[in-house]
Structure formats: structure tokens, C-alpha cells
Amino acid sequence: RYDSILSQMPTTVDQQFGAQARFIGQKIGSLPESNAAQFSRI
């Protein structure tokens, strides 16, 4: 059901998503260096 629904939901980046992504990005500093690099790759 997830696959069926999401495959019909194209989208475009908006301001709210940008703000959320930046907020999550700020938390990377609390991760160990190796995990921070791994998170960025993911």
C-alpha cells in the first residue's frame, strides 16, 4: 500500500521541507565523526 500510494505522489521541495532538513542537519554535529560522515552519504 505504501508503494502504491507513494509512487503516485511526485513532489517539489518547499520552504517547510528545507527548514526541516536544515534542522536535522544541525543535529549531525552531535554524532561521532564516522557516523556523521555515514549519515551524509545515506
PDB file of all heavy atoms in Angstrom:
ATOM      1  N   ARG A   1       0.827  -1.199   0.000  1.00  0.00           N
ATOM      2  CA  ARG A   1       0.000   0.000   0.000  1.00  0.00           C
ATOM      3  C   ARG A   1       0.871   1.263   0.000  1.00  0.00           C
ATOM      4  O   ARG A   1       0.576   2.229  -0.704  1.00  0.00           O
ATOM      5  CB  ARG A   1      -0.921   0.000   1.221  1.00  0.00           C
ATOM      6  CG  ARG A   1      -2.029   1.065   1.176  1.00  0.00           C
ATOM      7  CD  ARG A   1      -2.990   0.813   0.023  1.00  0.00           C
ATOM      8  NE  ARG A   1      -3.642  -0.473   0.125  1.00  0.00           N
ATOM      9  CZ  ARG A   1      -4.802  -0.685   0.732  1.00  0.00           C
ATOM     10  NH1 ARG A   1      -5.453   0.321   1.280  1.00  0.00           N
ATOM     11  NH2 ARG A   1      -5.335  -1.887   0.760  1.00  0.00           N
ATOM     12  N   TYR A   2       1.951   1.249   0.784  1.00  0.00           N
ATOM     13  CA  TYR A   2       2.897   2.364   0.769  1.00  0.00           C
ATOM     14  C   TYR A   2       3.435   2.583  -0.643  1.00  0.00           C
ATOM     15  O   TYR A   2       3.453   3.707  -1.151  1.00  0.00           O
ATOM     16  CB  TYR A   2       4.071   2.072   1.703  1.00  0.00           C
ATOM     17  CG  TYR A   2       4.014   2.741   3.037  1.00  0.00           C
ATOM     18  CD1 TYR A   2       4.228   2.006   4.202  1.00  0.00           C
ATOM     19  CD2 TYR A   2       3.771   4.107   3.173  1.00  0.00           C
ATOM     20  CE1 TYR A   2       4.190   2.613   5.457  1.00  0.00           C
ATOM     21  CE2 TYR A   2       3.739   4.721   4.410  1.00  0.00           C
ATOM     22  CZ  TYR A   2       3.947   3.970   5.548  1.00  0.00           C
ATOM     23  OH  TYR A   2       3.907   4.573   6.779  1.00  0.00           O
ATOM     24  N   ASP A   3       3.897   1.494  -1.256  1.00  0.00           N
ATOM     25  CA  ASP A   3       4.484   1.612  -2.589  1.00  0.00           C
ATOM     26  C   ASP A   3       3.481   2.170  -3.588  1.00  0.00           C
ATOM     27  O   ASP A   3       3.815   3.025  -4.418  1.00  0.00           O
ATOM     28  CB  ASP A   3       4.982   0.242  -3.065  1.00  0.00           C
ATOM     29  CG  ASP A   3       6.235  -0.201  -2.344  1.00  0.00           C
ATOM     30  OD1 ASP A   3       6.837   0.627  -1.633  1.00  0.00           O
ATOM     31  OD2 ASP A   3       6.617  -1.381  -2.491  1.00  0.00           O
ATOM     32  N   SER A   4       2.256   1.686  -3.516  1.00  0.00           N
ATOM     33  CA  SER A   4       1.225   2.132  -4.454  1.00  0.00           C
ATOM     34  C   SER A   4       0.928   3.622  -4.298  1.00  0.00           C
ATOM     35  O   SER A   4       0.832   4.361  -5.293  1.00  0.00           O
ATOM     36  CB  SER A   4      -0.054   1.319  -4.230  1.00  0.00           C
ATOM     37  OG  SER A   4      -1.111   1.809  -5.029  1.00  0.00           O
ATOM     38  N   ILE A   5       0.802   4.060  -3.050  1.00  0.00           N
ATOM     39  CA  ILE A   5       0.462   5.462  -2.797  1.00  0.00           C
ATOM     40  C   ILE A   5       1.618   6.385  -3.143  1.00  0.00           C
ATOM     41  O   ILE A   5       1.467   7.373  -3.870  1.00  0.00           O
ATOM     42  CB  ILE A   5       0.036   5.658  -1.337  1.00  0.00           C
ATOM     43  CG1 ILE A   5      -1.290   4.939  -1.071  1.00  0.00           C
ATOM     44  CG2 ILE A   5      -0.103   7.144  -0.998  1.00  0.00           C
ATOM     45  CD1 ILE A   5      -1.685   4.892   0.388  1.00  0.00           C
ATOM     46  N   LEU A   6       2.810   6.075  -2.631  1.00  0.00           N
ATOM     47  CA  LEU A   6       3.954   6.963  -2.834  1.00  0.00           C
ATOM     48  C   LEU A   6       4.354   7.066  -4.300  1.00  0.00           C
ATOM     49  O   LEU A   6       4.833   8.112  -4.744  1.00  0.00           O
ATOM     50  CB  LEU A   6       5.139   6.483  -1.995  1.00  0.00           C
ATOM     51  CG  LEU A   6       4.978   6.682  -0.485  1.00  0.00           C
ATOM     52  CD1 LEU A   6       6.069   5.933   0.269  1.00  0.00           C
ATOM     53  CD2 LEU A   6       5.012   8.164  -0.125  1.00  0.00           C
ATOM     54  N   SER A   7       4.142   5.988  -5.057  1.00  0.00           N
ATOM     55  CA  SER A   7       4.505   6.034  -6.474  1.00  0.00           C
ATOM     56  C   SER A   7       3.611   6.995  -7.251  1.00  0.00           C
ATOM     57  O   SER A   7       3.924   7.359  -8.395  1.00  0.00           O
ATOM     58  CB  SER A   7       4.420   4.631  -7.093  1.00  0.00           C
ATOM     59  OG  SER A   7       3.089   4.162  -7.097  1.00  0.00           O
ATOM     60  N   GLN A   8       2.517   7.415  -6.646  1.00  0.00           N
ATOM     61  CA  GLN A   8       1.597   8.369  -7.279  1.00  0.00           C
ATOM     62  C   GLN A   8       1.721   9.777  -6.671  1.00  0.00           C
ATOM     63  O   GLN A   8       0.838  10.613  -6.869  1.00  0.00           O
ATOM     64  CB  GLN A   8       0.155   7.890  -7.107  1.00  0.00           C
ATOM     65  CG  GLN A   8      -0.125   6.518  -7.684  1.00  0.00           C
ATOM     66  CD  GLN A   8      -1.518   6.029  -7.351  1.00  0.00           C
ATOM     67  OE1 GLN A   8      -2.512   6.646  -7.740  1.00  0.00           O
ATOM     68  NE2 GLN A   8      -1.607   4.939  -6.610  1.00  0.00           N
ATOM     69  N   MET A   9       2.822  10.019  -5.945  1.00  0.00           N
ATOM     70  CA  MET A   9       2.966  11.295  -5.245  1.00  0.00           C
ATOM     71  C   MET A   9       4.249  12.021  -5.630  1.00  0.00           C
ATOM     72  O   MET A   9       5.182  12.143  -4.825  1.00  0.00           O
ATOM     73  CB  MET A   9       2.921  11.073  -3.723  1.00  0.00           C
ATOM     74  CG  MET A   9       1.613  10.469  -3.239  1.00  0.00           C
ATOM     75  SD  MET A   9       1.531  10.210  -1.439  1.00  0.00           S
ATOM     76  CE  MET A   9       1.118  11.872  -0.869  1.00  0.00           C
ATOM     77  N   PRO A  10       4.348  12.517  -6.871  1.00  0.00           N
ATOM     78  CA  PRO A  10       5.508  13.338  -7.233  1.00  0.00           C
ATOM     79  C   PRO A  10       5.479  14.617  -6.400  1.00  0.00           C
ATOM     80  O   PRO A  10       4.430  15.045  -5.930  1.00  0.00           O
ATOM     81  CB  PRO A  10       5.274  13.635  -8.718  1.00  0.00           C
ATOM     82  CG  PRO A  10       3.781  13.574  -8.860  1.00  0.00           C
ATOM     83  CD  PRO A  10       3.338  12.469  -7.936  1.00  0.00           C
ATOM     84  N   THR A  11       6.636  15.214  -6.201  1.00  0.00           N
ATOM     85  CA  THR A  11       6.668  16.389  -5.326  1.00  0.00           C
ATOM     86  C   THR A  11       7.815  17.318  -5.685  1.00  0.00           C
ATOM     87  O   THR A  11       8.698  16.977  -6.475  1.00  0.00           O
ATOM     88  CB  THR A  11       6.790  15.941  -3.853  1.00  0.00           C
ATOM     89  OG1 THR A  11       6.530  17.041  -2.998  1.00  0.00           O
ATOM     90  CG2 THR A  11       8.163  15.376  -3.565  1.00  0.00           C
ATOM     91  N   THR A  12       7.787  18.484  -5.081  1.00  0.00           N
ATOM     92  CA  THR A  12       8.816  19.506  -5.292  1.00  0.00           C
ATOM     93  C   THR A  12       9.210  20.088  -3.938  1.00  0.00           C
ATOM     94  O   THR A  12       8.340  20.337  -3.089  1.00  0.00           O
ATOM     95  CB  THR A  12       8.292  20.642  -6.195  1.00  0.00           C
ATOM     96  OG1 THR A  12       7.871  20.087  -7.445  1.00  0.00           O
ATOM     97  CG2 THR A  12       9.374  21.679  -6.438  1.00  0.00           C
ATOM     98  N   VAL A  13      10.481  20.297  -3.732  1.00  0.00           N
ATOM     99  CA  VAL A  13      10.969  20.857  -2.469  1.00  0.00           C
ATOM    100  C   VAL A  13      10.271  22.184  -2.173  1.00  0.00           C
ATOM    101  O   VAL A  13      10.116  23.026  -3.058  1.00  0.00           O
ATOM    102  CB  VAL A  13      12.497  21.082  -2.540  1.00  0.00           C
ATOM    103  CG1 VAL A  13      12.980  21.895  -1.349  1.00  0.00           C
ATOM    104  CG2 VAL A  13      13.228  19.740  -2.580  1.00  0.00           C
ATOM    105  N   ASP A  14       9.829  22.346  -0.902  1.00  0.00           N
ATOM    106  CA  ASP A  14       9.219  23.608  -0.493  1.00  0.00           C
ATOM    107  C   ASP A  14       9.980  24.182   0.710  1.00  0.00           C
ATOM    108  O   ASP A  14      10.934  23.572   1.216  1.00  0.00           O
ATOM    109  CB  ASP A  14       7.726  23.438  -0.176  1.00  0.00           C
ATOM    110  CG  ASP A  14       7.454  22.457   0.968  1.00  0.00           C
ATOM    111  OD1 ASP A  14       8.403  22.078   1.685  1.00  0.00           O
ATOM    112  OD2 ASP A  14       6.279  22.074   1.149  1.00  0.00           O
ATOM    113  N   GLN A  15       9.571  25.361   1.166  1.00  0.00           N
ATOM    114  CA  GLN A  15      10.283  26.024   2.264  1.00  0.00           C
ATOM    115  C   GLN A  15      10.232  25.214   3.563  1.00  0.00           C
ATOM    116  O   GLN A  15      11.210  25.159   4.297  1.00  0.00           O
ATOM    117  CB  GLN A  15       9.697  27.415   2.495  1.00  0.00           C
ATOM    118  CG  GLN A  15      10.024  28.409   1.394  1.00  0.00           C
ATOM    119  CD  GLN A  15       9.534  29.816   1.733  1.00  0.00           C
ATOM    120  OE1 GLN A  15       8.724  30.019   2.627  1.00  0.00           O
ATOM    121  NE2 GLN A  15      10.044  30.799   1.005  1.00  0.00           N
ATOM    122  N   GLN A  16       9.094  24.609   3.818  1.00  0.00           N
ATOM    123  CA  GLN A  16       8.965  23.842   5.062  1.00  0.00           C
ATOM    124  C   GLN A  16       9.924  22.667   5.084  1.00  0.00           C
ATOM    125  O   GLN A  16      10.575  22.414   6.096  1.00  0.00           O
ATOM    126  CB  GLN A  16       7.524  23.341   5.235  1.00  0.00           C
ATOM    127  CG  GLN A  16       7.295  22.607   6.559  1.00  0.00           C
ATOM    128  CD  GLN A  16       5.835  22.273   6.793  1.00  0.00           C
ATOM    129  OE1 GLN A  16       4.941  22.909   6.228  1.00  0.00           O
ATOM    130  NE2 GLN A  16       5.574  21.282   7.627  1.00  0.00           N
ATOM    131  N   PHE A  17      10.025  21.960   3.961  1.00  0.00           N
ATOM    132  CA  PHE A  17      10.953  20.833   3.909  1.00  0.00           C
ATOM    133  C   PHE A  17      12.388  21.318   4.044  1.00  0.00           C
ATOM    134  O   PHE A  17      13.208  20.686   4.737  1.00  0.00           O
ATOM    135  CB  PHE A  17      10.788  20.056   2.607  1.00  0.00           C
ATOM    136  CG  PHE A  17      11.743  18.900   2.477  1.00  0.00           C
ATOM    137  CD1 PHE A  17      11.523  17.733   3.190  1.00  0.00           C
ATOM    138  CD2 PHE A  17      12.869  18.998   1.669  1.00  0.00           C
ATOM    139  CE1 PHE A  17      12.410  16.662   3.083  1.00  0.00           C
ATOM    140  CE2 PHE A  17      13.757  17.942   1.558  1.00  0.00           C
ATOM    141  CZ  PHE A  17      13.524  16.765   2.269  1.00  0.00           C
ATOM    142  N   GLY A  18      12.705  22.438   3.409  1.00  0.00           N
ATOM    143  CA  GLY A  18      14.055  22.981   3.527  1.00  0.00           C
ATOM    144  C   GLY A  18      14.407  23.300   4.962  1.00  0.00           C
ATOM    145  O   GLY A  18      15.513  22.995   5.432  1.00  0.00           O
ATOM    146  N   ALA A  19      13.452  23.877   5.692  1.00  0.00           N
ATOM    147  CA  ALA A  19      13.692  24.215   7.097  1.00  0.00           C
ATOM    148  C   ALA A  19      13.867  22.956   7.932  1.00  0.00           C
ATOM    149  O   ALA A  19      14.739  22.890   8.815  1.00  0.00           O
ATOM    150  CB  ALA A  19      12.529  25.049   7.627  1.00  0.00           C
ATOM    151  N   GLN A  20      13.050  21.941   7.663  1.00  0.00           N
ATOM    152  CA  GLN A  20      13.163  20.683   8.414  1.00  0.00           C
ATOM    153  C   GLN A  20      14.494  19.999   8.137  1.00  0.00           C
ATOM    154  O   GLN A  20      15.140  19.482   9.059  1.00  0.00           O
ATOM    155  CB  GLN A  20      12.001  19.757   8.039  1.00  0.00           C
ATOM    156  CG  GLN A  20      10.649  20.227   8.545  1.00  0.00           C
ATOM    157  CD  GLN A  20       9.505  19.413   7.968  1.00  0.00           C
ATOM    158  OE1 GLN A  20       9.560  18.953   6.818  1.00  0.00           O
ATOM    159  NE2 GLN A  20       8.459  19.220   8.764  1.00  0.00           N
ATOM    160  N   ALA A  21      14.907  20.006   6.874  1.00  0.00           N
ATOM    161  CA  ALA A  21      16.177  19.378   6.514  1.00  0.00           C
ATOM    162  C   ALA A  21      17.349  20.097   7.177  1.00  0.00           C
ATOM    163  O   ALA A  21      18.294  19.451   7.662  1.00  0.00           O
ATOM    164  CB  ALA A  21      16.349  19.377   4.997  1.00  0.00           C
ATOM    165  N   ARG A  22      17.290  21.435   7.240  1.00  0.00           N
ATOM    166  CA  ARG A  22      18.366  22.187   7.896  1.00  0.00           C
ATOM    167  C   ARG A  22      18.401  21.895   9.398  1.00  0.00           C
ATOM    168  O   ARG A  22      19.466  21.767   9.996  1.00  0.00           O
ATOM    169  CB  ARG A  22      18.186  23.692   7.645  1.00  0.00           C
ATOM    170  CG  ARG A  22      18.526  24.125   6.229  1.00  0.00           C
ATOM    171  CD  ARG A  22      18.600  25.645   6.115  1.00  0.00           C
ATOM    172  NE  ARG A  22      17.306  26.279   6.375  1.00  0.00           N
ATOM    173  CZ  ARG A  22      16.374  26.464   5.443  1.00  0.00           C
ATOM    174  NH1 ARG A  22      16.577  26.056   4.199  1.00  0.00           N
ATOM    175  NH2 ARG A  22      15.234  27.071   5.739  1.00  0.00           N
ATOM    176  N   PHE A  23      17.232  21.787  10.002  1.00  0.00           N
ATOM    177  CA  PHE A  23      17.156  21.496  11.438  1.00  0.00           C
ATOM    178  C   PHE A  23      17.769  20.131  11.738  1.00  0.00           C
ATOM    179  O   PHE A  23      18.540  19.975  12.696  1.00  0.00           O
ATOM    180  CB  PHE A  23      15.700  21.529  11.902  1.00  0.00           C
ATOM    181  CG  PHE A  23      15.515  21.229  13.352  1.00  0.00           C
ATOM    182  CD1 PHE A  23      15.854  22.159  14.328  1.00  0.00           C
ATOM    183  CD2 PHE A  23      15.001  20.002  13.757  1.00  0.00           C
ATOM    184  CE1 PHE A  23      15.693  21.880  15.671  1.00  0.00           C
ATOM    185  CE2 PHE A  23      14.834  19.710  15.101  1.00  0.00           C
ATOM    186  CZ  PHE A  23      15.177  20.647  16.061  1.00  0.00           C
ATOM    187  N   ILE A  24      17.439  19.134  10.900  1.00  0.00           N
ATOM    188  CA  ILE A  24      18.021  17.803  11.083  1.00  0.00           C
ATOM    189  C   ILE A  24      19.523  17.852  10.837  1.00  0.00           C
ATOM    190  O   ILE A  24      20.306  17.246  11.560  1.00  0.00           O
ATOM    191  CB  ILE A  24      17.342  16.791  10.131  1.00  0.00           C
ATOM    192  CG1 ILE A  24      15.877  16.596  10.541  1.00  0.00           C
ATOM    193  CG2 ILE A  24      18.075  15.453  10.138  1.00  0.00           C
ATOM    194  CD1 ILE A  24      15.046  15.815   9.537  1.00  0.00           C
ATOM    195  N   GLY A  25      19.932  18.629   9.822  1.00  0.00           N
ATOM    196  CA  GLY A  25      21.353  18.749   9.524  1.00  0.00           C
ATOM    197  C   GLY A  25      22.152  19.339  10.667  1.00  0.00           C
ATOM    198  O   GLY A  25      23.312  18.967  10.901  1.00  0.00           O
ATOM    199  N   GLN A  26      21.532  20.245  11.430  1.00  0.00           N
ATOM    200  CA  GLN A  26      22.224  20.856  12.565  1.00  0.00           C
ATOM    201  C   GLN A  26      22.541  19.840  13.662  1.00  0.00           C
ATOM    202  O   GLN A  26      23.463  20.018  14.449  1.00  0.00           O
ATOM    203  CB  GLN A  26      21.384  21.990  13.140  1.00  0.00           C
ATOM    204  CG  GLN A  26      21.289  23.214  12.235  1.00  0.00           C
ATOM    205  CD  GLN A  26      20.263  24.220  12.720  1.00  0.00           C
ATOM    206  OE1 GLN A  26      19.601  24.020  13.736  1.00  0.00           O
ATOM    207  NE2 GLN A  26      20.108  25.311  11.983  1.00  0.00           N
ATOM    208  N   LYS A  27      21.751  18.765  13.698  1.00  0.00           N
ATOM    209  CA  LYS A  27      21.947  17.750  14.726  1.00  0.00           C
ATOM    210  C   LYS A  27      23.094  16.797  14.409  1.00  0.00           C
ATOM    211  O   LYS A  27      23.508  16.026  15.266  1.00  0.00           O
ATOM    212  CB  LYS A  27      20.658  16.937  14.914  1.00  0.00           C
ATOM    213  CG  LYS A  27      19.471  17.746  15.418  1.00  0.00           C
ATOM    214  CD  LYS A  27      18.253  16.844  15.615  1.00  0.00           C
ATOM    215  CE  LYS A  27      17.062  17.615  16.151  1.00  0.00           C
ATOM    216  NZ  LYS A  27      15.878  16.725  16.344  1.00  0.00           N
ATOM    217  N   ILE A  28      23.594  16.871  13.176  1.00  0.00           N
ATOM    218  CA  ILE A  28      24.689  15.978  12.789  1.00  0.00           C
ATOM    219  C   ILE A  28      25.910  16.199  13.669  1.00  0.00           C
ATOM    220  O   ILE A  28      26.676  15.276  13.948  1.00  0.00           O
ATOM    221  CB  ILE A  28      25.058  16.184  11.300  1.00  0.00           C
ATOM    222  CG1 ILE A  28      23.875  15.797  10.415  1.00  0.00           C
ATOM    223  CG2 ILE A  28      26.265  15.347  10.920  1.00  0.00           C
ATOM    224  CD1 ILE A  28      24.115  16.033   8.939  1.00  0.00           C
ATOM    225  N   GLY A  29      26.084  17.445  14.139  1.00  0.00           N
ATOM    226  CA  GLY A  29      27.240  17.758  14.963  1.00  0.00           C
ATOM    227  C   GLY A  29      27.314  16.963  16.249  1.00  0.00           C
ATOM    228  O   GLY A  29      28.392  16.829  16.842  1.00  0.00           O
ATOM    229  N   SER A  30      26.174  16.411  16.693  1.00  0.00           N
ATOM    230  CA  SER A  30      26.179  15.628  17.928  1.00  0.00           C
ATOM    231  C   SER A  30      26.594  14.181  17.693  1.00  0.00           C
ATOM    232  O   SER A  30      26.814  13.426  18.654  1.00  0.00           O
ATOM    233  CB  SER A  30      24.791  15.655  18.583  1.00  0.00           C
ATOM    234  OG  SER A  30      23.836  15.007  17.762  1.00  0.00           O
ATOM    235  N   LEU A  31      26.708  13.793  16.414  1.00  0.00           N
ATOM    236  CA  LEU A  31      27.093  12.417  16.100  1.00  0.00           C
ATOM    237  C   LEU A  31      28.603  12.257  16.125  1.00  0.00           C
ATOM    238  O   LEU A  31      29.340  13.199  15.834  1.00  0.00           O
ATOM    239  CB  LEU A  31      26.599  12.039  14.699  1.00  0.00           C
ATOM    240  CG  LEU A  31      25.090  11.948  14.459  1.00  0.00           C
ATOM    241  CD1 LEU A  31      24.829  11.714  12.972  1.00  0.00           C
ATOM    242  CD2 LEU A  31      24.475  10.827  15.276  1.00  0.00           C
ATOM    243  N   PRO A  32      29.076  11.051  16.441  1.00  0.00           N
ATOM    244  CA  PRO A  32      30.510  10.776  16.256  1.00  0.00           C
ATOM    245  C   PRO A  32      30.893  11.035  14.803  1.00  0.00           C
ATOM    246  O   PRO A  32      30.048  10.882  13.902  1.00  0.00           O
ATOM    247  CB  PRO A  32      30.625   9.287  16.612  1.00  0.00           C
ATOM    248  CG  PRO A  32      29.475   9.027  17.535  1.00  0.00           C
ATOM    249  CD  PRO A  32      28.360   9.902  17.032  1.00  0.00           C
ATOM    250  N   GLU A  33      32.124  11.417  14.571  1.00  0.00           N
ATOM    251  CA  GLU A  33      32.557  11.827  13.232  1.00  0.00           C
ATOM    252  C   GLU A  33      32.264  10.774  12.172  1.00  0.00           C
ATOM    253  O   GLU A  33      31.792  11.096  11.073  1.00  0.00           O
ATOM    254  CB  GLU A  33      34.058  12.134  13.243  1.00  0.00           C
ATOM    255  CG  GLU A  33      34.569  12.717  11.931  1.00  0.00           C
ATOM    256  CD  GLU A  33      36.032  13.141  12.021  1.00  0.00           C
ATOM    257  OE1 GLU A  33      36.556  13.242  13.149  1.00  0.00           O
ATOM    258  OE2 GLU A  33      36.627  13.360  10.952  1.00  0.00           O
ATOM    259  N   SER A  34      32.519   9.494  12.488  1.00  0.00           N
ATOM    260  CA  SER A  34      32.288   8.437  11.496  1.00  0.00           C
ATOM    261  C   SER A  34      30.806   8.298  11.171  1.00  0.00           C
ATOM    262  O   SER A  34      30.427   8.091  10.012  1.00  0.00           O
ATOM    263  CB  SER A  34      32.837   7.097  12.006  1.00  0.00           C
ATOM    264  OG  SER A  34      32.191   6.717  13.221  1.00  0.00           O
ATOM    265  N   ASN A  35      29.953   8.445  12.178  1.00  0.00           N
ATOM    266  CA  ASN A  35      28.515   8.353  11.949  1.00  0.00           C
ATOM    267  C   ASN A  35      27.996   9.558  11.185  1.00  0.00           C
ATOM    268  O   ASN A  35      27.074   9.441  10.357  1.00  0.00           O
ATOM    269  CB  ASN A  35      27.767   8.220  13.269  1.00  0.00           C
ATOM    270  CG  ASN A  35      28.050   6.915  13.990  1.00  0.00           C
ATOM    271  OD1 ASN A  35      28.319   6.904  15.182  1.00  0.00           O
ATOM    272  ND2 ASN A  35      28.003   5.797  13.263  1.00  0.00           N
ATOM    273  N   ALA A  36      28.569  10.726  11.453  1.00  0.00           N
ATOM    274  CA  ALA A  36      28.162  11.936  10.738  1.00  0.00           C
ATOM    275  C   ALA A  36      28.455  11.792   9.248  1.00  0.00           C
ATOM    276  O   ALA A  36      27.623  12.138   8.396  1.00  0.00           O
ATOM    277  CB  ALA A  36      28.879  13.152  11.308  1.00  0.00           C
ATOM    278  N   ALA A  37      29.635  11.251   8.921  1.00  0.00           N
ATOM    279  CA  ALA A  37      30.004  11.045   7.516  1.00  0.00           C
ATOM    280  C   ALA A  37      29.096  10.002   6.872  1.00  0.00           C
ATOM    281  O   ALA A  37      28.669  10.149   5.722  1.00  0.00           O
ATOM    282  CB  ALA A  37      31.463  10.606   7.423  1.00  0.00           C
ATOM    283  N   GLN A  38      28.787   8.964   7.632  1.00  0.00           N
ATOM    284  CA  GLN A  38      27.905   7.918   7.128  1.00  0.00           C
ATOM    285  C   GLN A  38      26.498   8.460   6.877  1.00  0.00           C
ATOM    286  O   GLN A  38      25.866   8.150   5.863  1.00  0.00           O
ATOM    287  CB  GLN A  38      27.857   6.760   8.121  1.00  0.00           C
ATOM    288  CG  GLN A  38      27.127   5.530   7.619  1.00  0.00           C
ATOM    289  CD  GLN A  38      27.208   4.385   8.617  1.00  0.00           C
ATOM    290  OE1 GLN A  38      27.554   4.568   9.783  1.00  0.00           O
ATOM    291  NE2 GLN A  38      26.883   3.180   8.157  1.00  0.00           N
ATOM    292  N   PHE A  39      26.006   9.283   7.788  1.00  0.00           N
ATOM    293  CA  PHE A  39      24.685   9.888   7.632  1.00  0.00           C
ATOM    294  C   PHE A  39      24.646  10.739   6.357  1.00  0.00           C
ATOM    295  O   PHE A  39      23.680  10.675   5.591  1.00  0.00           O
ATOM    296  CB  PHE A  39      24.359  10.748   8.847  1.00  0.00           C
ATOM    297  CG  PHE A  39      23.040  11.466   8.753  1.00  0.00           C
ATOM    298  CD1 PHE A  39      21.849  10.814   9.040  1.00  0.00           C
ATOM    299  CD2 PHE A  39      22.984  12.801   8.376  1.00  0.00           C
ATOM    300  CE1 PHE A  39      20.626  11.473   8.940  1.00  0.00           C
ATOM    301  CE2 PHE A  39      21.772  13.468   8.280  1.00  0.00           C
ATOM    302  CZ  PHE A  39      20.589  12.795   8.567  1.00  0.00           C
ATOM    303  N   SER A  40      25.673  11.518   6.131  1.00  0.00           N
ATOM    304  CA  SER A  40      25.730  12.366   4.935  1.00  0.00           C
ATOM    305  C   SER A  40      25.683  11.527   3.664  1.00  0.00           C
ATOM    306  O   SER A  40      25.011  11.889   2.690  1.00  0.00           O
ATOM    307  CB  SER A  40      26.997  13.223   4.953  1.00  0.00           C
ATOM    308  OG  SER A  40      26.966  14.123   6.048  1.00  0.00           O
ATOM    309  N   ARG A  41      26.387  10.387   3.676  1.00  0.00           N
ATOM    310  CA  ARG A  41      26.369   9.502   2.498  1.00  0.00           C
ATOM    311  C   ARG A  41      24.970   8.913   2.277  1.00  0.00           C
ATOM    312  O   ARG A  41      24.497   8.813   1.145  1.00  0.00           O
ATOM    313  CB  ARG A  41      27.391   8.375   2.663  1.00  0.00           C
ATOM    314  CG  ARG A  41      28.842   8.808   2.524  1.00  0.00           C
ATOM    315  CD  ARG A  41      29.763   7.608   2.349  1.00  0.00           C
ATOM    316  NE  ARG A  41      29.720   6.705   3.501  1.00  0.00           N
ATOM    317  CZ  ARG A  41      30.492   6.831   4.578  1.00  0.00           C
ATOM    318  NH1 ARG A  41      31.376   7.830   4.660  1.00  0.00           N
ATOM    319  NH2 ARG A  41      30.416   5.963   5.572  1.00  0.00           N
ATOM    320  N   ILE A  42      24.324   8.521   3.370  1.00  0.00           N
ATOM    321  CA  ILE A  42      22.979   7.951   3.273  1.00  0.00           C
ATOM    322  C   ILE A  42      22.004   8.967   2.684  1.00  0.00           C
ATOM    323  O   ILE A  42      21.185   8.642   1.822  1.00  0.00           O
ATOM    324  CB  ILE A  42      22.511   7.466   4.658  1.00  0.00           C
ATOM    325  CG1 ILE A  42      23.269   6.190   5.043  1.00  0.00           C
ATOM    326  CG2 ILE A  42      20.998   7.205   4.673  1.00  0.00           C
ATOM    327  CD1 ILE A  42      23.043   5.727   6.465  1.00  0.00           C
TER     328      ILE A  42
END
